Structure formats: structure tokens, C-alpha cells
């Protein structure tokens, strides 16, 4: 029988991913995009919006809202993953909190009358946020698949029997 030091350890993909250089790059990109967006919308974006007619102004307002909502949800997802990597939250806690983040409904909305007037700078930020959203969706799908696989392994009748045998014949205190 294997001792506690030599027993196999399940590697949690969430923890490994959150501590990876790949995640760090996506995190920096996402948070940088949040900051860039805030600076644009509070500065040059206000000036750009004043140049639009009524339809353009409505499209600008709608796209700005979609953009900020998308970025806030992405930032929330990224911060949760970073908390795992930093050891601030356990993966189980993050799994419970994940339901508050809705990534699926953050894509491009319907094209509005006046969208053709939107400033290039805003369109560029929107395009980059949508690309980031797609990458985060892929990462999130991988994490969910790992969650399901872990749950299935833990709920296996064979694993339950092995656990019972191990507890019956394991070291006694």
C-alpha cells in the first residue's frame, strides 16, 4: 500500500492554468484592455461621440454599454482565475462563484442604425474585446470539462469502494 507521500496526486488544471504564463498574458491583456477602454470612453471617446448624429449617438451608447459589460464580466472571470493561482481562493470556492459570471451572452449584439458612424478607436477596442472573449470562452470550456471529469471521477462507484477499503485498512491513529 502506498504511503501518503507516494500516493498519486491529481493535478488540477484550474490551478495549473491560473499559475501559467499563458494565463498571465491573457490576464495582462484583459486588464490592460479594461484600462484602455476606460481611458478612451472618459476622454477621446466623449469627444468622438459629440460628432455623431442622433442614430450614431444611440449606436455609440449601446456599443459602449455592451463593451463595458463584456469587459467587466471578462475581468471578473480573470480575477477569479488569478485568485486560484495566487492561492487566495480554493478552486471549489471559485466553482461556486463562477455562476455569477455570464460569459455566453457577451458577444456582438445586433447591428444598430448608426453603427457605421462609430469611431475607429471604439471599433478597434470592441474587436479586441470580442477576440479576448472568444479566448476566455475556450479556456472556460476547458475548465468546465476538467470540472466534469473530476466530478465524474470522484463519483465513480469504483473510487468510492477504493476509498472505503483504504479507510478500513489504512493507518490507524
C-alpha atoms as a PDB file:
ATOM      1  CA  UNK A   1       0.000   0.000   0.000  1.00  0.00           C
ATOM      2  CA  UNK A   2       1.297   3.481  -0.893  1.00  0.00           C
ATOM      3  CA  UNK A   3       2.064   5.958   1.815  1.00  0.00           C
ATOM      4  CA  UNK A   4       0.667   9.485   1.822  1.00  0.00           C
ATOM      5  CA  UNK A   5       3.957  10.762   0.339  1.00  0.00           C
ATOM      6  CA  UNK A   6       3.870   8.375  -2.614  1.00  0.00           C
ATOM      7  CA  UNK A   7       0.166   8.319  -3.375  1.00  0.00           C
ATOM      8  CA  UNK A   8      -0.774   9.698  -6.782  1.00  0.00           C
ATOM      9  CA  UNK A   9      -1.820  13.331  -6.814  1.00  0.00           C
ATOM     10  CA  UNK A  10      -4.479  14.659  -9.134  1.00  0.00           C
ATOM     11  CA  UNK A  11      -3.250  17.800 -10.860  1.00  0.00           C
ATOM     12  CA  UNK A  12      -5.984  20.380 -11.025  1.00  0.00           C
ATOM     13  CA  UNK A  13      -5.953  22.031 -14.437  1.00  0.00           C
ATOM     14  CA  UNK A  14      -7.538  25.179 -12.977  1.00  0.00           C
ATOM     15  CA  UNK A  15      -4.660  25.698 -10.562  1.00  0.00           C
ATOM     16  CA  UNK A  16      -2.016  24.954 -13.177  1.00  0.00           C
ATOM     17  CA  UNK A  17      -3.690  27.190 -15.754  1.00  0.00           C
ATOM     18  CA  UNK A  18      -4.167  30.085 -13.341  1.00  0.00           C
ATOM     19  CA  UNK A  19      -0.470  29.953 -12.452  1.00  0.00           C
ATOM     20  CA  UNK A  20       0.698  29.651 -16.071  1.00  0.00           C
ATOM     21  CA  UNK A  21       2.494  32.165 -18.238  1.00  0.00           C
ATOM     22  CA  UNK A  22      -0.306  31.772 -20.814  1.00  0.00           C
ATOM     23  CA  UNK A  23      -2.897  32.869 -18.278  1.00  0.00           C
ATOM     24  CA  UNK A  24      -0.695  35.719 -17.084  1.00  0.00           C
ATOM     25  CA  UNK A  25      -0.505  37.016 -20.653  1.00  0.00           C
ATOM     26  CA  UNK A  26      -4.299  36.860 -21.087  1.00  0.00           C
ATOM     27  CA  UNK A  27      -4.783  38.468 -17.673  1.00  0.00           C
ATOM     28  CA  UNK A  28      -2.473  41.395 -18.511  1.00  0.00           C
ATOM     29  CA  UNK A  29      -4.154  41.813 -21.892  1.00  0.00           C
ATOM     30  CA  UNK A  30      -7.632  41.785 -20.369  1.00  0.00           C
ATOM     31  CA  UNK A  31      -6.860  44.213 -17.576  1.00  0.00           C
ATOM     32  CA  UNK A  32      -4.965  46.452 -19.986  1.00  0.00           C
ATOM     33  CA  UNK A  33      -7.987  46.493 -22.270  1.00  0.00           C
ATOM     34  CA  UNK A  34     -10.241  47.441 -19.347  1.00  0.00           C
ATOM     35  CA  UNK A  35      -7.957  50.361 -18.518  1.00  0.00           C
ATOM     36  CA  UNK A  36      -7.603  51.429 -22.152  1.00  0.00           C
ATOM     37  CA  UNK A  37     -11.375  51.339 -22.596  1.00  0.00           C
ATOM     38  CA  UNK A  38     -11.995  53.431 -19.503  1.00  0.00           C
ATOM     39  CA  UNK A  39      -9.437  55.996 -20.653  1.00  0.00           C
ATOM     40  CA  UNK A  40     -10.947  56.139 -24.135  1.00  0.00           C
ATOM     41  CA  UNK A  41     -14.568  56.394 -23.009  1.00  0.00           C
ATOM     42  CA  UNK A  42     -13.754  59.080 -20.426  1.00  0.00           C
ATOM     43  CA  UNK A  43     -11.529  61.069 -22.772  1.00  0.00           C
ATOM     44  CA  UNK A  44     -11.336  60.929 -26.559  1.00  0.00           C
ATOM     45  CA  UNK A  45     -14.494  58.820 -26.742  1.00  0.00           C
ATOM     46  CA  UNK A  46     -16.589  61.633 -25.312  1.00  0.00           C
ATOM     47  CA  UNK A  47     -15.275  63.977 -27.972  1.00  0.00           C
ATOM     48  CA  UNK A  48     -15.844  61.381 -30.709  1.00  0.00           C
ATOM     49  CA  UNK A  49     -19.432  60.838 -29.529  1.00  0.00           C
ATOM     50  CA  UNK A  50     -20.230  64.554 -29.809  1.00  0.00           C
ATOM     51  CA  UNK A  51     -19.548  64.404 -33.538  1.00  0.00           C
ATOM     52  CA  UNK A  52     -22.231  61.773 -34.189  1.00  0.00           C
ATOM     53  CA  UNK A  53     -25.803  62.363 -35.276  1.00  0.00           C
ATOM     54  CA  UNK A  54     -28.720  61.007 -33.247  1.00  0.00           C
ATOM     55  CA  UNK A  55     -28.525  57.459 -34.697  1.00  0.00           C
ATOM     56  CA  UNK A  56     -24.761  57.369 -34.300  1.00  0.00           C
ATOM     57  CA  UNK A  57     -25.043  58.591 -30.710  1.00  0.00           C
ATOM     58  CA  UNK A  58     -27.537  55.833 -29.866  1.00  0.00           C
ATOM     59  CA  UNK A  59     -25.299  53.215 -31.506  1.00  0.00           C
ATOM     60  CA  UNK A  60     -22.291  54.623 -29.622  1.00  0.00           C
ATOM     61  CA  UNK A  61     -24.128  54.464 -26.301  1.00  0.00           C
ATOM     62  CA  UNK A  62     -25.360  50.918 -26.931  1.00  0.00           C
ATOM     63  CA  UNK A  63     -21.967  49.636 -28.057  1.00  0.00           C
ATOM     64  CA  UNK A  64     -20.250  51.352 -25.131  1.00  0.00           C
ATOM     65  CA  UNK A  65     -22.626  49.606 -22.726  1.00  0.00           C
ATOM     66  CA  UNK A  66     -22.094  46.225 -24.404  1.00  0.00           C
ATOM     67  CA  UNK A  67     -18.343  46.788 -24.337  1.00  0.00           C
ATOM     68  CA  UNK A  68     -18.161  47.760 -20.677  1.00  0.00           C
ATOM     69  CA  UNK A  69     -20.455  44.894 -19.651  1.00  0.00           C
ATOM     70  CA  UNK A  70     -18.354  42.421 -21.642  1.00  0.00           C
ATOM     71  CA  UNK A  71     -15.117  43.726 -20.157  1.00  0.00           C
ATOM     72  CA  UNK A  72     -16.425  43.691 -16.591  1.00  0.00           C
ATOM     73  CA  UNK A  73     -17.547  40.076 -16.937  1.00  0.00           C
ATOM     74  CA  UNK A  74     -14.217  39.123 -18.510  1.00  0.00           C
ATOM     75  CA  UNK A  75     -12.308  40.959 -15.780  1.00  0.00           C
ATOM     76  CA  UNK A  76     -14.352  39.142 -13.128  1.00  0.00           C
ATOM     77  CA  UNK A  77     -13.540  35.789 -14.728  1.00  0.00           C
ATOM     78  CA  UNK A  78      -9.854  36.669 -14.974  1.00  0.00           C
ATOM     79  CA  UNK A  79      -9.718  37.836 -11.356  1.00  0.00           C
ATOM     80  CA  UNK A  80     -11.313  34.589 -10.173  1.00  0.00           C
ATOM     81  CA  UNK A  81      -8.750  32.542 -12.055  1.00  0.00           C
ATOM     82  CA  UNK A  82      -5.897  34.669 -10.706  1.00  0.00           C
ATOM     83  CA  UNK A  83      -7.190  34.165  -7.169  1.00  0.00           C
ATOM     84  CA  UNK A  84      -6.715  30.424  -7.678  1.00  0.00           C
ATOM     85  CA  UNK A  85      -3.188  30.838  -8.975  1.00  0.00           C
ATOM     86  CA  UNK A  86      -2.283  33.116  -6.057  1.00  0.00           C
ATOM     87  CA  UNK A  87      -3.815  30.684  -3.574  1.00  0.00           C
ATOM     88  CA  UNK A  88      -6.320  33.312  -2.396  1.00  0.00           C
ATOM     89  CA  UNK A  89      -9.297  31.100  -3.179  1.00  0.00           C
ATOM     90  CA  UNK A  90      -9.634  27.386  -3.447  1.00  0.00           C
ATOM     91  CA  UNK A  91     -10.859  26.022  -6.768  1.00  0.00           C
ATOM     92  CA  UNK A  92     -14.021  24.787  -5.044  1.00  0.00           C
ATOM     93  CA  UNK A  93     -14.825  28.337  -3.898  1.00  0.00           C
ATOM     94  CA  UNK A  94     -14.264  29.667  -7.389  1.00  0.00           C
ATOM     95  CA  UNK A  95     -16.530  26.999  -8.861  1.00  0.00           C
ATOM     96  CA  UNK A  96     -19.295  28.178  -6.538  1.00  0.00           C
ATOM     97  CA  UNK A  97     -18.710  31.817  -7.506  1.00  0.00           C
ATOM     98  CA  UNK A  98     -18.451  31.153 -11.241  1.00  0.00           C
ATOM     99  CA  UNK A  99     -22.238  31.083 -11.683  1.00  0.00           C
ATOM    100  CA  UNK A 100     -22.278  34.861 -11.158  1.00  0.00           C
ATOM    101  CA  UNK A 101     -20.261  35.445 -14.325  1.00  0.00           C
ATOM    102  CA  UNK A 102     -22.118  35.137 -17.603  1.00  0.00           C
ATOM    103  CA  UNK A 103     -19.671  34.831 -20.490  1.00  0.00           C
ATOM    104  CA  UNK A 104     -22.037  33.258 -23.006  1.00  0.00           C
ATOM    105  CA  UNK A 105     -24.135  36.358 -23.704  1.00  0.00           C
ATOM    106  CA  UNK A 106     -21.327  38.863 -24.192  1.00  0.00           C
ATOM    107  CA  UNK A 107     -20.762  38.602 -27.910  1.00  0.00           C
ATOM    108  CA  UNK A 108     -21.611  41.195 -30.502  1.00  0.00           C
ATOM    109  CA  UNK A 109     -25.143  42.469 -30.361  1.00  0.00           C
ATOM    110  CA  UNK A 110     -27.457  43.268 -33.217  1.00  0.00           C
ATOM    111  CA  UNK A 111     -26.226  45.908 -35.608  1.00  0.00           C
ATOM    112  CA  UNK A 112     -27.935  49.200 -34.898  1.00  0.00           C
ATOM    113  CA  UNK A 113     -28.818  52.055 -37.186  1.00  0.00           C
ATOM    114  CA  UNK A 114     -25.846  54.425 -36.917  1.00  0.00           C
ATOM    115  CA  UNK A 115     -23.232  51.734 -36.280  1.00  0.00           C
ATOM    116  CA  UNK A 116     -21.481  52.813 -39.471  1.00  0.00           C
ATOM    117  CA  UNK A 117     -20.682  56.131 -37.754  1.00  0.00           C
ATOM    118  CA  UNK A 118     -18.852  54.612 -34.785  1.00  0.00           C
ATOM    119  CA  UNK A 119     -15.307  55.913 -34.302  1.00  0.00           C
ATOM    120  CA  UNK A 120     -12.452  53.663 -35.436  1.00  0.00           C
ATOM    121  CA  UNK A 121     -10.925  53.696 -31.965  1.00  0.00           C
ATOM    122  CA  UNK A 122     -14.129  52.317 -30.426  1.00  0.00           C
ATOM    123  CA  UNK A 123     -14.499  49.684 -33.146  1.00  0.00           C
ATOM    124  CA  UNK A 124     -10.906  48.589 -32.545  1.00  0.00           C
ATOM    125  CA  UNK A 125     -11.476  48.198 -28.806  1.00  0.00           C
ATOM    126  CA  UNK A 126     -14.718  46.292 -29.465  1.00  0.00           C
ATOM    127  CA  UNK A 127     -12.946  43.928 -31.884  1.00  0.00           C
ATOM    128  CA  UNK A 128     -10.167  43.232 -29.377  1.00  0.00           C
ATOM    129  CA  UNK A 129     -12.675  42.668 -26.576  1.00  0.00           C
ATOM    130  CA  UNK A 130     -14.564  40.167 -28.741  1.00  0.00           C
ATOM    131  CA  UNK A 131     -11.305  38.331 -29.543  1.00  0.00           C
ATOM    132  CA  UNK A 132     -10.439  38.223 -25.844  1.00  0.00           C
ATOM    133  CA  UNK A 133     -13.965  36.996 -25.100  1.00  0.00           C
ATOM    134  CA  UNK A 134     -13.519  34.108 -27.545  1.00  0.00           C
ATOM    135  CA  UNK A 135     -10.232  33.066 -25.931  1.00  0.00           C
ATOM    136  CA  UNK A 136     -11.720  33.237 -22.439  1.00  0.00           C
ATOM    137  CA  UNK A 137     -14.714  31.165 -23.607  1.00  0.00           C
ATOM    138  CA  UNK A 138     -12.299  28.458 -24.813  1.00  0.00           C
ATOM    139  CA  UNK A 139     -10.389  28.492 -21.524  1.00  0.00           C
ATOM    140  CA  UNK A 140     -13.640  28.410 -19.578  1.00  0.00           C
ATOM    141  CA  UNK A 141     -14.867  25.438 -21.621  1.00  0.00           C
ATOM    142  CA  UNK A 142     -11.630  23.563 -20.840  1.00  0.00           C
ATOM    143  CA  UNK A 143     -12.012  24.330 -17.142  1.00  0.00           C
ATOM    144  CA  UNK A 144     -15.627  23.156 -17.157  1.00  0.00           C
ATOM    145  CA  UNK A 145     -14.645  19.919 -18.909  1.00  0.00           C
ATOM    146  CA  UNK A 146     -11.992  19.343 -16.259  1.00  0.00           C
ATOM    147  CA  UNK A 147     -14.565  20.061 -13.539  1.00  0.00           C
ATOM    148  CA  UNK A 148     -16.948  17.499 -15.026  1.00  0.00           C
ATOM    149  CA  UNK A 149     -14.181  14.929 -15.353  1.00  0.00           C
ATOM    150  CA  UNK A 150     -13.125  15.495 -11.740  1.00  0.00           C
ATOM    151  CA  UNK A 151     -16.698  15.179 -10.511  1.00  0.00           C
ATOM    152  CA  UNK A 152     -17.237  12.024 -12.536  1.00  0.00           C
ATOM    153  CA  UNK A 153     -14.019  10.503 -11.183  1.00  0.00           C
ATOM    154  CA  UNK A 154     -14.944  11.407  -7.622  1.00  0.00           C
ATOM    155  CA  UNK A 155     -18.449   9.977  -8.016  1.00  0.00           C
ATOM    156  CA  UNK A 156     -17.244   6.719  -9.521  1.00  0.00           C
ATOM    157  CA  UNK A 157     -18.534   3.631  -7.654  1.00  0.00           C
ATOM    158  CA  UNK A 158     -15.077   2.095  -8.013  1.00  0.00           C
ATOM    159  CA  UNK A 159     -13.447   5.151  -6.416  1.00  0.00           C
ATOM    160  CA  UNK A 160     -15.987   5.006  -3.604  1.00  0.00           C
ATOM    161  CA  UNK A 161     -15.116   1.352  -2.948  1.00  0.00           C
ATOM    162  CA  UNK A 162     -11.378   2.077  -3.075  1.00  0.00           C
ATOM    163  CA  UNK A 163     -11.854   4.924  -0.599  1.00  0.00           C
ATOM    164  CA  UNK A 164     -13.797   2.633   1.733  1.00  0.00           C
ATOM    165  CA  UNK A 165     -11.138  -0.081   1.531  1.00  0.00           C
ATOM    166  CA  UNK A 166      -8.357   2.446   2.097  1.00  0.00           C
ATOM    167  CA  UNK A 167     -10.100   3.842   5.156  1.00  0.00           C
ATOM    168  CA  UNK A 168     -10.722   0.361   6.538  1.00  0.00           C
ATOM    169  CA  UNK A 169      -7.140  -0.837   6.088  1.00  0.00           C
ATOM    170  CA  UNK A 170      -5.317   2.492   6.272  1.00  0.00           C
ATOM    171  CA  UNK A 171      -3.068   3.630   9.057  1.00  0.00           C
ATOM    172  CA  UNK A 172      -4.787   3.958  12.409  1.00  0.00           C
ATOM    173  CA  UNK A 173      -4.167   6.873  14.724  1.00  0.00           C
END
